[in-house]
Structures are given as C-alpha cells and as structure tokens.
Amino acid sequence: MSDDAEKQKVIIFTHHFEIKGYMSIYQGVRLTDYMNESKAFISVTDAEVKHHQHNGAPPMKAAFLNVRKDDIEIVVPEDAIK
C-alpha cells in the first residue's frame, strides 16, 4: 500500500455474499469516486466472507481477495452503518 493510501473498512454485498474487509483508497478520494474509476476487480484485504444461504456457517477468512465489480450490489463504509 502506498503512503498516500489509507485503509477503509467496508461491507460489500453481492447477490450471494456479504464481505467485510479493507479497501486501500487514496486520501481525499471518496469511496464513490474510487468505485467509479476502478477496473473490473476490487481488492479487499483482511476479508471475512459470509454466504447468504448458509446462515450460521462460519465465515471464510482471507488475507486478500478480488471482488468482481459487476457483482457488487452495495458497498458501504462500515462506520456509516447505524
């Protein structure tokens, strides 16, 4: 991660998964702008993935994963959730 980037904790919802983790976003760049400018995949670190259909199943954890941008339905900073 560059010195100019900061980790932002996010929750990403796809049709099948809920993903909690960190996205590296340059300081001063809004999450919306980052998503609009990103390529086909979004990098997520320290990720925890839950499958919507497997309630109660332990989440999968990964140090790094790529999420296909076209599969993302909702992405929100975790600190924005009330």
C-alpha atoms as a PDB file:
ATOM      1  CA  MET A   1       0.000   0.000   0.000  1.00  0.00           C
ATOM      2  CA  SER A   2       1.327   3.422  -0.908  1.00  0.00           C
ATOM      3  CA  ASP A   3       1.995   6.095   1.736  1.00  0.00           C
ATOM      4  CA  ASP A   4      -0.770   8.143   0.088  1.00  0.00           C
ATOM      5  CA  ALA A   5      -3.397   5.414   0.545  1.00  0.00           C
ATOM      6  CA  GLU A   6      -5.381   4.593   3.643  1.00  0.00           C
ATOM      7  CA  LYS A   7      -7.338   1.504   4.580  1.00  0.00           C
ATOM      8  CA  GLN A   8     -11.092   1.975   4.727  1.00  0.00           C
ATOM      9  CA  LYS A   9     -13.185  -0.737   6.372  1.00  0.00           C
ATOM     10  CA  VAL A  10     -16.134  -1.601   4.160  1.00  0.00           C
ATOM     11  CA  ILE A  11     -19.001  -4.035   3.871  1.00  0.00           C
ATOM     12  CA  ILE A  12     -19.730  -5.290   0.366  1.00  0.00           C
ATOM     13  CA  PHE A  13     -22.941  -7.070  -0.542  1.00  0.00           C
ATOM     14  CA  THR A  14     -23.275  -9.235  -3.622  1.00  0.00           C
ATOM     15  CA  HIS A  15     -26.170 -11.466  -4.603  1.00  0.00           C
ATOM     16  CA  HIS A  16     -24.611 -14.394  -2.717  1.00  0.00           C
ATOM     17  CA  PHE A  17     -22.130 -12.913  -0.226  1.00  0.00           C
ATOM     18  CA  GLU A  18     -21.522 -10.352   2.483  1.00  0.00           C
ATOM     19  CA  ILE A  19     -17.866  -9.334   2.550  1.00  0.00           C
ATOM     20  CA  LYS A  20     -16.252  -7.324   5.340  1.00  0.00           C
ATOM     21  CA  GLY A  21     -12.734  -6.083   4.875  1.00  0.00           C
ATOM     22  CA  TYR A  22     -10.472  -3.197   3.947  1.00  0.00           C
ATOM     23  CA  MET A  23     -10.043  -1.329   0.699  1.00  0.00           C
ATOM     24  CA  SER A  24      -6.968   0.839   0.100  1.00  0.00           C
ATOM     25  CA  ILE A  25      -8.190   4.224  -1.073  1.00  0.00           C
ATOM     26  CA  TYR A  26      -6.058   7.303  -1.664  1.00  0.00           C
ATOM     27  CA  GLN A  27      -6.512  10.045   0.907  1.00  0.00           C
ATOM     28  CA  GLY A  28      -9.134  12.578  -0.110  1.00  0.00           C
ATOM     29  CA  VAL A  29     -10.813  10.208  -2.607  1.00  0.00           C
ATOM     30  CA  ARG A  30     -14.439   9.357  -1.925  1.00  0.00           C
ATOM     31  CA  LEU A  31     -15.486   5.708  -1.967  1.00  0.00           C
ATOM     32  CA  THR A  32     -17.980   6.510  -4.748  1.00  0.00           C
ATOM     33  CA  ASP A  33     -15.247   8.009  -6.921  1.00  0.00           C
ATOM     34  CA  TYR A  34     -12.956   5.049  -6.230  1.00  0.00           C
ATOM     35  CA  MET A  35     -15.657   2.602  -7.308  1.00  0.00           C
ATOM     36  CA  ASN A  36     -16.482   4.592 -10.448  1.00  0.00           C
ATOM     37  CA  GLU A  37     -12.836   4.731 -11.510  1.00  0.00           C
ATOM     38  CA  SER A  38     -11.841   1.177 -10.604  1.00  0.00           C
ATOM     39  CA  LYS A  39     -11.252  -1.585 -13.104  1.00  0.00           C
ATOM     40  CA  ALA A  40     -13.063  -4.952 -13.258  1.00  0.00           C
ATOM     41  CA  PHE A  41     -11.978  -6.158  -9.783  1.00  0.00           C
ATOM     42  CA  ILE A  42     -11.838  -4.530  -6.350  1.00  0.00           C
ATOM     43  CA  SER A  43      -9.066  -5.595  -3.950  1.00  0.00           C
ATOM     44  CA  VAL A  44     -10.121  -6.368  -0.382  1.00  0.00           C
ATOM     45  CA  THR A  45      -7.695  -7.257   2.427  1.00  0.00           C
ATOM     46  CA  ASP A  46      -8.330  -8.928   5.786  1.00  0.00           C
ATOM     47  CA  ALA A  47     -11.593 -10.172   4.325  1.00  0.00           C
ATOM     48  CA  GLU A  48     -14.365 -12.116   6.007  1.00  0.00           C
ATOM     49  CA  VAL A  49     -16.925 -13.661   3.647  1.00  0.00           C
ATOM     50  CA  LYS A  50     -20.368 -14.950   4.634  1.00  0.00           C
ATOM     51  CA  HIS A  51     -22.645 -16.792   2.201  1.00  0.00           C
ATOM     52  CA  HIS A  52     -26.259 -15.568   2.429  1.00  0.00           C
ATOM     53  CA  GLN A  53     -27.664 -19.098   2.045  1.00  0.00           C
ATOM     54  CA  HIS A  54     -25.536 -20.676   4.796  1.00  0.00           C
ATOM     55  CA  ASN A  55     -26.778 -18.935   7.931  1.00  0.00           C
ATOM     56  CA  GLY A  56     -24.789 -19.988  10.958  1.00  0.00           C
ATOM     57  CA  ALA A  57     -21.864 -21.307   8.927  1.00  0.00           C
ATOM     58  CA  PRO A  58     -18.503 -19.850   9.944  1.00  0.00           C
ATOM     59  CA  PRO A  59     -17.259 -17.146   7.604  1.00  0.00           C
ATOM     60  CA  MET A  60     -14.396 -17.772   5.229  1.00  0.00           C
ATOM     61  CA  LYS A  61     -11.402 -15.578   6.004  1.00  0.00           C
ATOM     62  CA  ALA A  62      -8.737 -14.445   3.534  1.00  0.00           C
ATOM     63  CA  ALA A  63      -5.799 -12.068   3.785  1.00  0.00           C
ATOM     64  CA  PHE A  64      -6.555 -10.890   0.231  1.00  0.00           C
ATOM     65  CA  LEU A  65      -9.264 -11.350  -2.348  1.00  0.00           C
ATOM     66  CA  ASN A  66     -10.513  -9.717  -5.508  1.00  0.00           C
ATOM     67  CA  VAL A  67     -14.220  -9.000  -5.873  1.00  0.00           C
ATOM     68  CA  ARG A  68     -15.648  -8.649  -9.357  1.00  0.00           C
ATOM     69  CA  LYS A  69     -17.013  -5.112  -9.576  1.00  0.00           C
ATOM     70  CA  ASP A  70     -20.015  -6.178 -11.684  1.00  0.00           C
ATOM     71  CA  ASP A  71     -21.157  -8.497  -8.866  1.00  0.00           C
ATOM     72  CA  ILE A  72     -21.249  -5.755  -6.229  1.00  0.00           C
ATOM     73  CA  GLU A  73     -24.765  -4.631  -5.347  1.00  0.00           C
ATOM     74  CA  ILE A  74     -23.934  -2.453  -2.313  1.00  0.00           C
ATOM     75  CA  VAL A  75     -20.680  -1.181  -0.826  1.00  0.00           C
ATOM     76  CA  VAL A  76     -20.708   0.927   2.312  1.00  0.00           C
ATOM     77  CA  PRO A  77     -18.079   2.138   4.762  1.00  0.00           C
ATOM     78  CA  GLU A  78     -18.582   0.169   7.960  1.00  0.00           C
ATOM     79  CA  ASP A  79     -18.584   3.319  10.081  1.00  0.00           C
ATOM     80  CA  ALA A  80     -21.559   4.675   8.079  1.00  0.00           C
ATOM     81  CA  ILE A  81     -23.867   1.901   9.282  1.00  0.00           C
ATOM     82  CA  LYS A  82     -26.104   2.840  12.198  1.00  0.00           C
END
